[in-house]
């Protein structure tokens, strides 16, 4: 999965969350910690919350629409969280040439139908035979063009729970005594921060609550 590029919080928001003035070395440390926290969230949720540009047409430099391949073989296939599905196509697994473009909602529905973020594609029942149809069974045989992000375009903001999560994790990292020496030495590296977060947040109740709530949303809709 491609990780995002955006930062889901800011130094100012972390300071407000902590309800205290940050030291100069803490402010400097957050320049590295906040991007690392954002990528940790992406990786943990297997998603992305970037504000991708939805105003530039697909195929043009800077466009937020990208393409990803998924395996078929079933009536409903899971896809990475995305929105504004532009095209769904069947491709030849040997040279990845497109041999069919599906029509929605005539041939398939992006699910959950009533939510902006889509997590699966479901084939419609054959209206003539009444039989369930299936996507072609080739691995990486389905090409999806969409905005692969969970950014909240309706409110033009990162989802509130993701911002809260980024604030909390950044604050937890700053408050962890083991990181004090690293801050003072200015020896902070993003990949090491991500590794530290794996160990630090394993049983953090607030992190667990947010992660589980997001998983429950999608499970309820499937």
N, C-alpha and C. Protein backbone atom coordinates (compact mmCIF):
# COMPACT_ATOMS: atom_id res chain seq x y z
N UNK A 1 0.82 -1.18 0.00
CA UNK A 1 0.00 0.00 0.00
C UNK A 1 0.87 1.25 0.00
N UNK A 2 0.47 2.25 -0.79
CA UNK A 2 1.20 3.51 -0.81
C UNK A 2 0.81 4.36 0.40
N UNK A 3 1.80 4.77 1.18
CA UNK A 3 1.52 5.63 2.32
C UNK A 3 1.33 7.06 1.84
N UNK A 4 0.67 7.86 2.67
CA UNK A 4 0.40 9.25 2.29
C UNK A 4 1.60 10.15 2.47
N UNK A 5 1.36 11.44 2.21
CA UNK A 5 2.39 12.45 2.33
C UNK A 5 2.01 13.56 3.31
N UNK A 6 0.72 13.73 3.56
CA UNK A 6 0.26 14.83 4.40
C UNK A 6 0.55 14.56 5.87
N UNK A 7 0.63 15.66 6.64
CA UNK A 7 0.71 15.57 8.10
C UNK A 7 -0.68 15.86 8.66
N UNK A 8 -1.14 15.00 9.58
CA UNK A 8 -2.51 15.09 10.05
C UNK A 8 -2.70 16.00 11.26
N UNK A 9 -1.62 16.59 11.71
CA UNK A 9 -1.72 17.59 12.78
C UNK A 9 -0.58 18.59 12.61
N UNK A 10 -0.51 19.54 13.53
CA UNK A 10 0.52 20.58 13.50
C UNK A 10 1.12 20.74 14.89
N UNK A 11 2.24 21.45 14.94
CA UNK A 11 2.86 21.73 16.24
C UNK A 11 1.87 22.48 17.14
N UNK A 12 1.17 23.44 16.57
CA UNK A 12 0.22 24.23 17.35
C UNK A 12 -0.90 23.38 17.93
N UNK A 13 -1.40 22.43 17.16
CA UNK A 13 -2.49 21.57 17.65
C UNK A 13 -2.00 20.64 18.75
N UNK A 14 -0.77 20.15 18.62
CA UNK A 14 -0.21 19.29 19.66
C UNK A 14 -0.02 20.08 20.95
N UNK A 15 0.43 21.31 20.82
CA UNK A 15 0.61 22.18 21.99
C UNK A 15 -0.72 22.43 22.67
N UNK A 16 -1.76 22.68 21.88
CA UNK A 16 -3.10 22.88 22.45
C UNK A 16 -3.59 21.61 23.13
N UNK A 17 -3.33 20.47 22.52
CA UNK A 17 -3.74 19.19 23.09
C UNK A 17 -3.08 18.96 24.45
N UNK A 18 -1.79 19.33 24.55
CA UNK A 18 -1.05 19.16 25.81
C UNK A 18 -1.40 20.24 26.83
N UNK A 19 -1.97 21.34 26.35
CA UNK A 19 -2.35 22.46 27.21
C UNK A 19 -1.16 23.03 27.97
N UNK A 20 -0.04 23.16 27.24
CA UNK A 20 1.14 23.80 27.82
C UNK A 20 2.02 24.31 26.69
N UNK A 21 2.92 25.19 27.05
CA UNK A 21 3.86 25.72 26.06
C UNK A 21 4.98 24.72 25.82
N UNK A 22 5.27 24.47 24.59
CA UNK A 22 6.33 23.52 24.26
C UNK A 22 7.70 24.16 24.39
N UNK A 23 8.67 23.36 24.79
CA UNK A 23 10.05 23.80 24.79
C UNK A 23 10.55 23.88 23.34
N UNK A 24 11.61 24.66 23.14
CA UNK A 24 12.14 24.83 21.78
C UNK A 24 12.58 23.51 21.18
N UNK A 25 13.20 22.64 22.00
CA UNK A 25 13.66 21.35 21.46
C UNK A 25 12.49 20.43 21.15
N UNK A 26 11.39 20.56 21.90
CA UNK A 26 10.19 19.77 21.60
C UNK A 26 9.57 20.21 20.28
N UNK A 27 9.52 21.52 20.08
CA UNK A 27 9.00 22.05 18.82
C UNK A 27 9.82 21.55 17.64
N UNK A 28 11.13 21.55 17.81
CA UNK A 28 12.01 21.05 16.75
C UNK A 28 11.79 19.56 16.51
N UNK A 29 11.65 18.81 17.59
CA UNK A 29 11.45 17.37 17.48
C UNK A 29 10.17 17.04 16.73
N UNK A 30 9.13 17.82 16.95
CA UNK A 30 7.85 17.55 16.31
C UNK A 30 7.91 17.68 14.79
N UNK A 31 8.89 18.41 14.28
CA UNK A 31 9.03 18.52 12.83
C UNK A 31 9.31 17.14 12.20
N UNK A 32 9.90 16.26 12.98
CA UNK A 32 10.17 14.89 12.53
C UNK A 32 9.11 13.93 13.04
N UNK A 33 8.66 14.14 14.26
CA UNK A 33 7.72 13.22 14.89
C UNK A 33 6.35 13.24 14.19
N UNK A 34 5.83 14.42 13.87
CA UNK A 34 4.49 14.51 13.28
C UNK A 34 4.39 13.77 11.94
N UNK A 35 5.34 13.94 11.01
CA UNK A 35 5.27 13.13 9.78
C UNK A 35 5.35 11.64 10.06
N UNK A 36 6.20 11.25 11.02
CA UNK A 36 6.32 9.83 11.36
C UNK A 36 5.01 9.30 11.94
N UNK A 37 4.38 10.08 12.78
CA UNK A 37 3.09 9.68 13.37
C UNK A 37 2.03 9.52 12.26
N UNK A 38 2.02 10.44 11.32
CA UNK A 38 1.04 10.38 10.23
C UNK A 38 1.23 9.11 9.41
N UNK A 39 2.49 8.75 9.14
CA UNK A 39 2.75 7.53 8.36
C UNK A 39 2.42 6.29 9.19
N UNK A 40 2.62 6.35 10.51
CA UNK A 40 2.27 5.23 11.38
C UNK A 40 0.76 5.00 11.32
N UNK A 41 -0.01 6.06 11.32
CA UNK A 41 -1.47 5.94 11.23
C UNK A 41 -1.86 5.31 9.89
N UNK A 42 -1.25 5.78 8.80
CA UNK A 42 -1.54 5.21 7.48
C UNK A 42 -1.28 3.71 7.48
N UNK A 43 -0.09 3.33 7.96
CA UNK A 43 0.32 1.93 7.92
C UNK A 43 -0.58 1.07 8.80
N UNK A 44 -0.92 1.56 9.99
CA UNK A 44 -1.72 0.78 10.93
C UNK A 44 -3.14 0.57 10.41
N UNK A 45 -3.70 1.59 9.78
CA UNK A 45 -5.06 1.49 9.26
C UNK A 45 -5.10 1.02 7.81
N UNK A 46 -3.91 0.80 7.23
CA UNK A 46 -3.84 0.38 5.83
C UNK A 46 -4.65 1.32 4.94
N UNK A 47 -4.44 2.62 5.15
CA UNK A 47 -5.22 3.61 4.43
C UNK A 47 -4.39 4.89 4.28
N UNK A 48 -5.05 5.94 3.84
CA UNK A 48 -4.40 7.24 3.64
C UNK A 48 -5.46 8.31 3.81
N UNK A 49 -5.07 9.47 4.33
CA UNK A 49 -6.03 10.54 4.59
C UNK A 49 -5.58 11.85 3.94
N UNK A 50 -4.71 11.75 2.94
CA UNK A 50 -4.21 12.94 2.25
C UNK A 50 -5.33 13.69 1.54
N UNK A 51 -5.13 14.99 1.38
CA UNK A 51 -6.03 15.78 0.54
C UNK A 51 -5.49 15.71 -0.89
N UNK A 52 -5.96 14.72 -1.63
CA UNK A 52 -5.54 14.58 -3.02
C UNK A 52 -6.34 15.54 -3.89
N UNK A 53 -5.72 16.05 -4.94
CA UNK A 53 -6.37 17.04 -5.80
C UNK A 53 -7.42 16.37 -6.67
N UNK A 54 -8.69 16.67 -6.39
CA UNK A 54 -9.78 16.08 -7.17
C UNK A 54 -10.27 17.00 -8.27
N UNK A 55 -9.54 18.10 -8.51
CA UNK A 55 -9.94 19.05 -9.55
C UNK A 55 -9.17 18.86 -10.85
N UNK A 56 -8.06 18.13 -10.79
CA UNK A 56 -7.24 17.90 -11.98
C UNK A 56 -7.62 16.55 -12.59
N UNK A 57 -7.95 16.50 -13.86
CA UNK A 57 -8.39 15.24 -14.50
C UNK A 57 -7.34 14.14 -14.40
N UNK A 58 -7.81 12.91 -14.34
CA UNK A 58 -6.92 11.76 -14.31
C UNK A 58 -6.01 11.76 -15.54
N UNK A 59 -4.74 11.40 -15.32
CA UNK A 59 -3.78 11.36 -16.41
C UNK A 59 -3.02 12.65 -16.59
N UNK A 60 -3.40 13.68 -15.80
CA UNK A 60 -2.72 14.98 -15.85
C UNK A 60 -1.82 15.12 -14.64
N UNK A 61 -0.65 15.74 -14.82
CA UNK A 61 0.27 15.92 -13.69
C UNK A 61 -0.44 16.60 -12.52
N UNK A 62 -0.24 16.04 -11.34
CA UNK A 62 -0.85 16.60 -10.13
C UNK A 62 -2.22 16.06 -9.81
N UNK A 63 -2.76 15.22 -10.68
CA UNK A 63 -4.09 14.67 -10.43
C UNK A 63 -4.07 13.75 -9.22
N UNK A 64 -5.14 13.81 -8.42
CA UNK A 64 -5.24 12.95 -7.24
C UNK A 64 -5.69 11.54 -7.56
N UNK A 65 -6.25 11.35 -8.77
CA UNK A 65 -6.71 10.02 -9.14
C UNK A 65 -5.53 9.12 -9.51
N UNK A 66 -5.51 7.94 -8.95
CA UNK A 66 -4.47 6.96 -9.27
C UNK A 66 -5.13 5.62 -9.56
N UNK A 67 -4.33 4.67 -10.02
CA UNK A 67 -4.84 3.35 -10.36
C UNK A 67 -4.19 2.28 -9.51
N UNK A 68 -4.99 1.28 -9.12
CA UNK A 68 -4.47 0.14 -8.38
C UNK A 68 -5.11 -1.14 -8.90
N UNK A 69 -4.36 -2.22 -8.80
CA UNK A 69 -4.81 -3.52 -9.28
C UNK A 69 -5.30 -4.38 -8.11
N UNK A 70 -6.37 -5.13 -8.37
CA UNK A 70 -6.92 -6.02 -7.35
C UNK A 70 -7.30 -7.36 -7.98
N UNK A 71 -7.26 -8.40 -7.16
CA UNK A 71 -7.64 -9.72 -7.62
C UNK A 71 -9.15 -9.89 -7.66
N UNK A 72 -9.63 -10.74 -8.58
CA UNK A 72 -11.06 -10.97 -8.72
C UNK A 72 -11.43 -12.37 -8.25
N UNK A 73 -12.39 -12.97 -8.96
CA UNK A 73 -12.79 -14.34 -8.66
C UNK A 73 -14.04 -14.48 -7.79
N UNK A 74 -14.55 -13.36 -7.29
CA UNK A 74 -15.72 -13.40 -6.41
C UNK A 74 -16.75 -12.37 -6.88
N UNK A 75 -17.96 -12.48 -6.34
CA UNK A 75 -18.98 -11.48 -6.68
C UNK A 75 -18.62 -10.13 -6.08
N UNK A 76 -18.02 -10.14 -4.89
CA UNK A 76 -17.62 -8.89 -4.23
C UNK A 76 -16.15 -8.97 -3.87
N UNK A 77 -15.38 -7.97 -4.23
CA UNK A 77 -13.95 -7.94 -3.94
C UNK A 77 -13.62 -6.73 -3.08
N UNK A 78 -12.71 -6.92 -2.14
CA UNK A 78 -12.26 -5.82 -1.30
C UNK A 78 -11.23 -4.97 -2.03
N UNK A 79 -11.30 -3.66 -1.82
CA UNK A 79 -10.32 -2.74 -2.39
C UNK A 79 -9.83 -1.81 -1.28
N UNK A 80 -8.72 -1.14 -1.52
CA UNK A 80 -8.25 -0.14 -0.56
C UNK A 80 -9.28 0.96 -0.42
N UNK A 81 -9.37 1.54 0.75
CA UNK A 81 -10.34 2.60 0.99
C UNK A 81 -10.14 3.73 -0.01
N UNK A 82 -11.22 4.11 -0.68
CA UNK A 82 -11.13 5.15 -1.71
C UNK A 82 -12.47 5.84 -1.86
N UNK A 83 -12.51 6.84 -2.72
CA UNK A 83 -13.76 7.53 -3.02
C UNK A 83 -13.72 8.05 -4.45
N UNK A 84 -14.91 8.43 -4.91
CA UNK A 84 -15.06 8.95 -6.28
C UNK A 84 -14.42 7.97 -7.30
N UNK A 85 -14.92 6.75 -7.28
CA UNK A 85 -14.41 5.74 -8.21
C UNK A 85 -14.70 6.20 -9.64
N UNK A 86 -13.65 6.34 -10.42
CA UNK A 86 -13.78 6.88 -11.77
C UNK A 86 -13.99 5.78 -12.81
N UNK A 87 -13.20 4.70 -12.70
CA UNK A 87 -13.29 3.61 -13.66
C UNK A 87 -12.95 2.29 -12.98
N UNK A 88 -13.60 1.22 -13.43
CA UNK A 88 -13.25 -0.14 -13.04
C UNK A 88 -13.10 -0.94 -14.34
N UNK A 89 -11.92 -1.55 -14.53
CA UNK A 89 -11.63 -2.21 -15.79
C UNK A 89 -11.03 -3.59 -15.56
N UNK A 90 -11.28 -4.49 -16.49
CA UNK A 90 -10.65 -5.81 -16.48
C UNK A 90 -9.40 -5.74 -17.36
N UNK A 91 -8.30 -6.32 -16.86
CA UNK A 91 -7.04 -6.26 -17.59
C UNK A 91 -6.48 -7.65 -17.83
N UNK A 92 -5.72 -7.77 -18.89
CA UNK A 92 -5.00 -9.00 -19.19
C UNK A 92 -3.84 -9.13 -18.20
N UNK A 93 -3.75 -10.24 -17.43
CA UNK A 93 -2.71 -10.36 -16.41
C UNK A 93 -1.30 -10.49 -16.98
N UNK A 94 -1.19 -10.72 -18.27
CA UNK A 94 0.14 -10.92 -18.86
C UNK A 94 0.77 -9.61 -19.34
N UNK A 95 -0.03 -8.75 -19.95
CA UNK A 95 0.53 -7.47 -20.41
C UNK A 95 -0.21 -6.27 -19.83
N UNK A 96 -1.21 -6.55 -18.95
CA UNK A 96 -1.99 -5.51 -18.26
C UNK A 96 -2.73 -4.58 -19.23
N UNK A 97 -3.04 -5.08 -20.40
CA UNK A 97 -3.85 -4.31 -21.33
C UNK A 97 -5.33 -4.41 -20.91
N UNK A 98 -6.06 -3.32 -21.06
CA UNK A 98 -7.48 -3.29 -20.68
C UNK A 98 -8.31 -3.97 -21.76
N UNK A 99 -9.15 -4.93 -21.34
CA UNK A 99 -10.02 -5.58 -22.32
C UNK A 99 -11.51 -5.34 -22.07
N UNK A 100 -11.83 -4.71 -20.92
CA UNK A 100 -13.24 -4.37 -20.68
C UNK A 100 -13.33 -3.28 -19.62
N UNK A 101 -14.27 -2.34 -19.82
CA UNK A 101 -14.56 -1.30 -18.84
C UNK A 101 -15.98 -1.47 -18.35
N UNK A 102 -16.15 -1.62 -17.03
CA UNK A 102 -17.46 -1.88 -16.44
C UNK A 102 -18.24 -0.58 -16.25
N UNK A 103 -19.56 -0.74 -16.24
CA UNK A 103 -20.45 0.40 -16.07
C UNK A 103 -21.16 0.32 -14.72
N UNK A 104 -21.18 1.43 -14.00
CA UNK A 104 -21.88 1.49 -12.71
C UNK A 104 -23.03 2.49 -12.82
N UNK A 105 -24.19 2.16 -12.28
CA UNK A 105 -24.53 0.99 -11.44
C UNK A 105 -25.10 -0.19 -12.22
N UNK A 106 -24.97 -0.17 -13.54
CA UNK A 106 -25.57 -1.24 -14.34
C UNK A 106 -24.92 -2.59 -14.05
N UNK A 107 -23.57 -2.62 -13.94
CA UNK A 107 -22.87 -3.89 -13.80
C UNK A 107 -22.28 -4.11 -12.40
N UNK A 108 -21.98 -3.05 -11.69
CA UNK A 108 -21.39 -3.20 -10.36
C UNK A 108 -21.78 -2.02 -9.49
N UNK A 109 -21.60 -2.19 -8.18
CA UNK A 109 -21.85 -1.12 -7.20
C UNK A 109 -20.63 -1.02 -6.30
N UNK A 110 -20.15 0.20 -6.06
CA UNK A 110 -19.09 0.42 -5.10
C UNK A 110 -19.72 0.52 -3.72
N UNK A 111 -19.26 -0.30 -2.79
CA UNK A 111 -19.84 -0.38 -1.46
C UNK A 111 -18.90 0.16 -0.39
N UNK A 112 -19.44 0.65 0.75
CA UNK A 112 -20.84 0.83 1.10
C UNK A 112 -21.52 1.88 0.21
N UNK A 113 -22.68 1.57 -0.27
CA UNK A 113 -23.36 2.42 -1.24
C UNK A 113 -23.66 3.80 -0.68
N UNK A 114 -24.04 3.86 0.60
CA UNK A 114 -24.50 5.12 1.19
C UNK A 114 -23.41 5.91 1.90
N UNK A 115 -22.15 5.51 1.74
CA UNK A 115 -21.04 6.23 2.36
C UNK A 115 -20.05 6.69 1.29
N UNK A 116 -19.38 7.82 1.51
CA UNK A 116 -18.45 8.32 0.49
C UNK A 116 -17.21 7.44 0.32
N UNK A 117 -16.77 6.80 1.41
CA UNK A 117 -15.58 5.95 1.34
C UNK A 117 -15.99 4.54 0.94
N UNK A 118 -15.38 4.05 -0.12
CA UNK A 118 -15.72 2.73 -0.65
C UNK A 118 -14.63 1.72 -0.26
N UNK A 119 -15.08 0.51 0.09
CA UNK A 119 -14.14 -0.53 0.52
C UNK A 119 -14.28 -1.82 -0.29
N UNK A 120 -15.27 -1.90 -1.17
CA UNK A 120 -15.43 -3.10 -1.98
C UNK A 120 -16.20 -2.77 -3.26
N UNK A 121 -16.12 -3.71 -4.22
CA UNK A 121 -16.88 -3.61 -5.47
C UNK A 121 -17.72 -4.87 -5.60
N UNK A 122 -19.02 -4.68 -5.78
CA UNK A 122 -19.93 -5.83 -5.84
C UNK A 122 -20.58 -5.91 -7.22
N UNK A 123 -20.44 -7.07 -7.86
CA UNK A 123 -21.07 -7.33 -9.15
C UNK A 123 -22.59 -7.43 -8.99
N UNK A 124 -23.32 -6.90 -9.94
CA UNK A 124 -24.78 -7.03 -9.92
C UNK A 124 -25.19 -8.43 -10.36
N UNK A 125 -26.38 -8.83 -9.97
CA UNK A 125 -26.95 -10.11 -10.42
C UNK A 125 -27.35 -9.98 -11.89
N UNK A 126 -27.11 -11.01 -12.67
CA UNK A 126 -27.50 -11.02 -14.07
C UNK A 126 -29.03 -10.90 -14.17
N UNK A 127 -29.51 -9.82 -14.76
CA UNK A 127 -30.95 -9.56 -14.79
C UNK A 127 -31.71 -10.52 -15.69
N UNK A 128 -31.01 -11.21 -16.56
CA UNK A 128 -31.68 -12.14 -17.47
C UNK A 128 -31.75 -13.55 -16.89
N UNK A 129 -30.68 -13.98 -16.23
CA UNK A 129 -30.63 -15.35 -15.69
C UNK A 129 -30.88 -15.43 -14.20
N UNK A 130 -30.69 -14.30 -13.51
CA UNK A 130 -30.83 -14.29 -12.06
C UNK A 130 -29.62 -14.84 -11.34
N UNK A 131 -28.57 -15.20 -12.08
CA UNK A 131 -27.36 -15.75 -11.48
C UNK A 131 -26.42 -14.66 -10.99
N UNK A 132 -25.68 -14.99 -9.95
CA UNK A 132 -24.67 -14.07 -9.46
C UNK A 132 -23.50 -14.02 -10.44
N UNK A 133 -23.03 -12.85 -10.72
CA UNK A 133 -21.86 -12.69 -11.58
C UNK A 133 -20.62 -12.54 -10.72
N UNK A 134 -19.47 -12.85 -11.27
CA UNK A 134 -18.21 -12.72 -10.54
C UNK A 134 -17.21 -11.90 -11.35
N UNK A 135 -16.33 -11.24 -10.63
CA UNK A 135 -15.24 -10.55 -11.29
C UNK A 135 -14.27 -11.58 -11.88
N UNK A 136 -13.61 -11.26 -12.98
CA UNK A 136 -12.60 -12.19 -13.53
C UNK A 136 -11.63 -12.63 -12.46
N UNK A 137 -11.24 -13.91 -12.50
CA UNK A 137 -10.48 -14.50 -11.40
C UNK A 137 -9.00 -14.27 -11.40
N UNK A 138 -8.47 -13.50 -12.35
CA UNK A 138 -7.02 -13.29 -12.41
C UNK A 138 -6.52 -12.45 -11.24
N UNK A 139 -5.36 -12.82 -10.71
CA UNK A 139 -4.71 -11.99 -9.70
C UNK A 139 -4.33 -10.66 -10.35
N UNK A 140 -4.64 -9.57 -9.69
CA UNK A 140 -4.39 -8.22 -10.21
C UNK A 140 -5.09 -8.01 -11.55
N UNK A 141 -6.25 -8.65 -11.71
CA UNK A 141 -6.97 -8.56 -12.97
C UNK A 141 -7.99 -7.45 -13.04
N UNK A 142 -8.19 -6.74 -11.93
CA UNK A 142 -9.15 -5.64 -11.89
C UNK A 142 -8.40 -4.34 -11.62
N UNK A 143 -8.57 -3.38 -12.51
CA UNK A 143 -7.89 -2.09 -12.41
C UNK A 143 -8.89 -1.03 -11.98
N UNK A 144 -8.63 -0.39 -10.84
CA UNK A 144 -9.55 0.61 -10.29
C UNK A 144 -8.89 1.98 -10.32
N UNK A 145 -9.59 2.95 -10.87
CA UNK A 145 -9.14 4.34 -10.88
C UNK A 145 -10.00 5.12 -9.91
N UNK A 146 -9.40 5.71 -8.89
CA UNK A 146 -10.17 6.40 -7.86
C UNK A 146 -9.25 7.33 -7.07
N UNK A 147 -9.86 8.05 -6.13
CA UNK A 147 -9.09 8.82 -5.14
C UNK A 147 -8.86 7.89 -3.95
N UNK A 148 -7.66 7.38 -3.82
CA UNK A 148 -7.38 6.43 -2.73
C UNK A 148 -6.99 7.19 -1.47
N UNK A 149 -8.00 7.77 -0.86
CA UNK A 149 -7.82 8.54 0.37
C UNK A 149 -9.13 8.59 1.12
N UNK A 150 -9.06 8.80 2.44
CA UNK A 150 -10.26 8.98 3.26
C UNK A 150 -10.41 10.43 3.72
N UNK A 151 -9.78 11.34 2.99
CA UNK A 151 -9.93 12.76 3.31
C UNK A 151 -11.41 13.15 3.25
N UNK A 152 -11.83 14.05 4.15
CA UNK A 152 -13.22 14.49 4.20
C UNK A 152 -13.38 15.70 3.28
N UNK A 153 -13.74 15.44 2.04
CA UNK A 153 -13.89 16.52 1.06
C UNK A 153 -15.12 17.38 1.34
N UNK A 154 -16.17 16.78 1.92
CA UNK A 154 -17.39 17.53 2.21
C UNK A 154 -17.12 18.67 3.19
N UNK A 155 -16.25 18.42 4.18
CA UNK A 155 -15.90 19.45 5.17
C UNK A 155 -14.53 20.07 4.90
N UNK A 156 -13.84 19.55 3.88
CA UNK A 156 -12.51 20.01 3.51
C UNK A 156 -11.57 19.97 4.72
N UNK A 157 -11.46 18.79 5.31
CA UNK A 157 -10.60 18.61 6.48
C UNK A 157 -10.23 17.14 6.63
N UNK A 158 -9.16 16.90 7.41
CA UNK A 158 -8.85 15.52 7.78
C UNK A 158 -9.92 15.06 8.75
N UNK A 159 -10.28 13.77 8.74
CA UNK A 159 -11.30 13.28 9.68
C UNK A 159 -10.94 13.64 11.12
N UNK A 160 -11.95 14.04 11.90
CA UNK A 160 -11.70 14.51 13.26
C UNK A 160 -10.98 13.48 14.12
N UNK A 161 -11.37 12.19 13.98
CA UNK A 161 -10.74 11.18 14.82
C UNK A 161 -9.28 10.96 14.45
N UNK A 162 -8.93 11.18 13.19
CA UNK A 162 -7.55 11.03 12.75
C UNK A 162 -6.69 12.17 13.29
N UNK A 163 -7.23 13.39 13.29
CA UNK A 163 -6.51 14.53 13.86
C UNK A 163 -6.31 14.32 15.36
N UNK A 164 -7.36 13.88 16.05
CA UNK A 164 -7.25 13.61 17.48
C UNK A 164 -6.20 12.53 17.74
N UNK A 165 -6.21 11.50 16.92
CA UNK A 165 -5.25 10.41 17.08
C UNK A 165 -3.82 10.91 16.87
N UNK A 166 -3.61 11.74 15.86
CA UNK A 166 -2.28 12.29 15.58
C UNK A 166 -1.81 13.19 16.73
N UNK A 167 -2.72 13.99 17.27
CA UNK A 167 -2.37 14.84 18.42
C UNK A 167 -1.97 13.99 19.61
N UNK A 168 -2.78 12.98 19.90
CA UNK A 168 -2.54 12.13 21.07
C UNK A 168 -1.21 11.38 20.95
N UNK A 169 -0.97 10.78 19.79
CA UNK A 169 0.25 9.99 19.63
C UNK A 169 1.48 10.88 19.70
N UNK A 170 1.43 12.05 19.08
CA UNK A 170 2.56 12.99 19.15
C UNK A 170 2.83 13.40 20.58
N UNK A 171 1.75 13.65 21.33
CA UNK A 171 1.90 14.04 22.73
C UNK A 171 2.47 12.90 23.56
N UNK A 172 2.00 11.69 23.31
CA UNK A 172 2.52 10.53 24.04
C UNK A 172 4.01 10.36 23.78
N UNK A 173 4.42 10.56 22.54
CA UNK A 173 5.84 10.43 22.21
C UNK A 173 6.66 11.47 22.97
N UNK A 174 6.19 12.71 23.02
CA UNK A 174 6.91 13.76 23.73
C UNK A 174 6.99 13.47 25.22
N UNK A 175 5.95 12.90 25.77
CA UNK A 175 5.88 12.67 27.21
C UNK A 175 6.62 11.41 27.65
N UNK A 176 7.01 10.59 26.70
CA UNK A 176 7.73 9.37 27.04
C UNK A 176 9.15 9.72 27.46
N UNK A 177 9.51 9.37 28.68
CA UNK A 177 10.81 9.78 29.24
C UNK A 177 11.99 9.23 28.44
N UNK A 178 11.79 8.10 27.78
CA UNK A 178 12.89 7.50 27.02
C UNK A 178 13.29 8.35 25.82
N UNK A 179 12.40 9.25 25.40
CA UNK A 179 12.70 10.08 24.24
C UNK A 179 13.34 11.41 24.61
N UNK A 180 13.45 11.71 25.90
CA UNK A 180 14.00 12.99 26.34
C UNK A 180 15.42 13.18 25.86
N UNK A 181 16.25 12.16 26.04
CA UNK A 181 17.65 12.28 25.61
C UNK A 181 17.76 12.48 24.11
N UNK A 182 16.92 11.79 23.36
CA UNK A 182 16.95 11.93 21.90
C UNK A 182 16.59 13.36 21.49
N UNK A 183 15.62 13.95 22.17
CA UNK A 183 15.24 15.33 21.87
C UNK A 183 16.41 16.27 22.14
N UNK A 184 17.04 16.07 23.28
CA UNK A 184 18.15 16.95 23.66
C UNK A 184 19.35 16.77 22.74
N UNK A 185 19.56 15.54 22.24
CA UNK A 185 20.69 15.29 21.35
C UNK A 185 20.36 15.64 19.90
N UNK A 186 19.07 15.90 19.65
CA UNK A 186 18.60 16.17 18.29
C UNK A 186 18.94 15.00 17.36
N UNK A 187 18.82 13.79 17.91
CA UNK A 187 19.15 12.58 17.15
C UNK A 187 17.90 11.79 16.83
N UNK A 188 16.88 12.48 16.33
CA UNK A 188 15.59 11.87 16.06
C UNK A 188 15.50 11.54 14.58
N UNK A 189 15.12 10.30 14.29
CA UNK A 189 14.94 9.87 12.91
C UNK A 189 13.55 9.29 12.75
N UNK A 190 12.90 9.63 11.62
CA UNK A 190 11.52 9.26 11.41
C UNK A 190 11.26 7.77 11.50
N UNK A 191 12.12 6.94 10.88
CA UNK A 191 11.88 5.50 10.89
C UNK A 191 12.03 4.91 12.28
N UNK A 192 12.89 5.54 13.11
CA UNK A 192 13.04 5.07 14.49
C UNK A 192 11.83 5.46 15.33
N UNK A 193 11.26 6.64 15.03
CA UNK A 193 10.05 7.06 15.73
C UNK A 193 8.92 6.07 15.47
N UNK A 194 8.77 5.64 14.22
CA UNK A 194 7.71 4.68 13.87
C UNK A 194 7.91 3.38 14.64
N UNK A 195 9.14 2.92 14.74
CA UNK A 195 9.42 1.70 15.50
C UNK A 195 9.08 1.89 16.97
N UNK A 196 9.42 3.05 17.52
CA UNK A 196 9.10 3.33 18.92
C UNK A 196 7.59 3.32 19.15
N UNK A 197 6.85 3.87 18.19
CA UNK A 197 5.40 3.93 18.33
C UNK A 197 4.78 2.54 18.39
N UNK A 198 5.32 1.61 17.63
CA UNK A 198 4.82 0.23 17.68
C UNK A 198 4.89 -0.32 19.10
N UNK A 199 5.97 -0.01 19.79
CA UNK A 199 6.15 -0.52 21.16
C UNK A 199 5.35 0.29 22.18
N UNK A 200 5.27 1.61 21.98
CA UNK A 200 4.64 2.49 22.96
C UNK A 200 3.12 2.39 22.97
N UNK A 201 2.52 2.15 21.79
CA UNK A 201 1.07 2.31 21.66
C UNK A 201 0.30 1.01 21.68
N UNK A 202 0.99 -0.09 21.95
CA UNK A 202 0.37 -1.40 21.88
C UNK A 202 -0.86 -1.50 22.77
N UNK A 203 -0.81 -0.88 23.94
CA UNK A 203 -1.93 -0.98 24.88
C UNK A 203 -2.49 0.38 25.27
N UNK A 204 -2.25 1.39 24.45
CA UNK A 204 -2.79 2.72 24.74
C UNK A 204 -4.31 2.69 24.50
N UNK A 205 -5.11 2.94 25.55
CA UNK A 205 -6.57 2.79 25.41
C UNK A 205 -7.20 3.73 24.40
N UNK A 206 -6.67 4.96 24.32
CA UNK A 206 -7.25 5.92 23.39
C UNK A 206 -6.97 5.51 21.94
N UNK A 207 -5.74 5.06 21.67
CA UNK A 207 -5.37 4.60 20.33
C UNK A 207 -6.19 3.38 19.96
N UNK A 208 -6.31 2.44 20.88
CA UNK A 208 -7.09 1.24 20.63
C UNK A 208 -8.54 1.58 20.32
N UNK A 209 -9.10 2.53 21.04
CA UNK A 209 -10.50 2.90 20.84
C UNK A 209 -10.73 3.47 19.44
N UNK A 210 -9.85 4.36 19.01
CA UNK A 210 -10.01 4.96 17.69
C UNK A 210 -9.83 3.92 16.58
N UNK A 211 -8.80 3.09 16.71
CA UNK A 211 -8.55 2.08 15.68
C UNK A 211 -9.70 1.09 15.59
N UNK A 212 -10.21 0.65 16.74
CA UNK A 212 -11.31 -0.31 16.73
C UNK A 212 -12.59 0.32 16.19
N UNK A 213 -12.81 1.59 16.49
CA UNK A 213 -14.03 2.25 16.01
C UNK A 213 -14.02 2.34 14.49
N UNK A 214 -12.87 2.56 13.90
CA UNK A 214 -12.79 2.61 12.43
C UNK A 214 -12.99 1.22 11.83
N UNK A 215 -12.46 0.22 12.44
CA UNK A 215 -12.66 -1.14 11.95
C UNK A 215 -14.13 -1.55 12.06
N UNK A 216 -14.79 -1.13 13.14
CA UNK A 216 -16.19 -1.49 13.33
C UNK A 216 -17.09 -0.85 12.28
N UNK A 217 -16.76 0.38 11.88
CA UNK A 217 -17.57 1.07 10.87
C UNK A 217 -17.62 0.26 9.59
N UNK A 218 -16.43 -0.20 9.14
CA UNK A 218 -16.39 -0.92 7.87
C UNK A 218 -16.96 -2.34 7.99
N UNK A 219 -16.76 -2.97 9.13
CA UNK A 219 -17.32 -4.31 9.30
C UNK A 219 -18.83 -4.28 9.32
N UNK A 220 -19.41 -3.24 9.92
CA UNK A 220 -20.87 -3.11 9.99
C UNK A 220 -21.48 -2.90 8.63
N UNK A 221 -20.70 -2.28 7.72
CA UNK A 221 -21.26 -1.95 6.41
C UNK A 221 -21.04 -3.04 5.37
N UNK A 222 -20.19 -4.04 5.71
CA UNK A 222 -19.88 -5.06 4.71
C UNK A 222 -20.97 -6.12 4.65
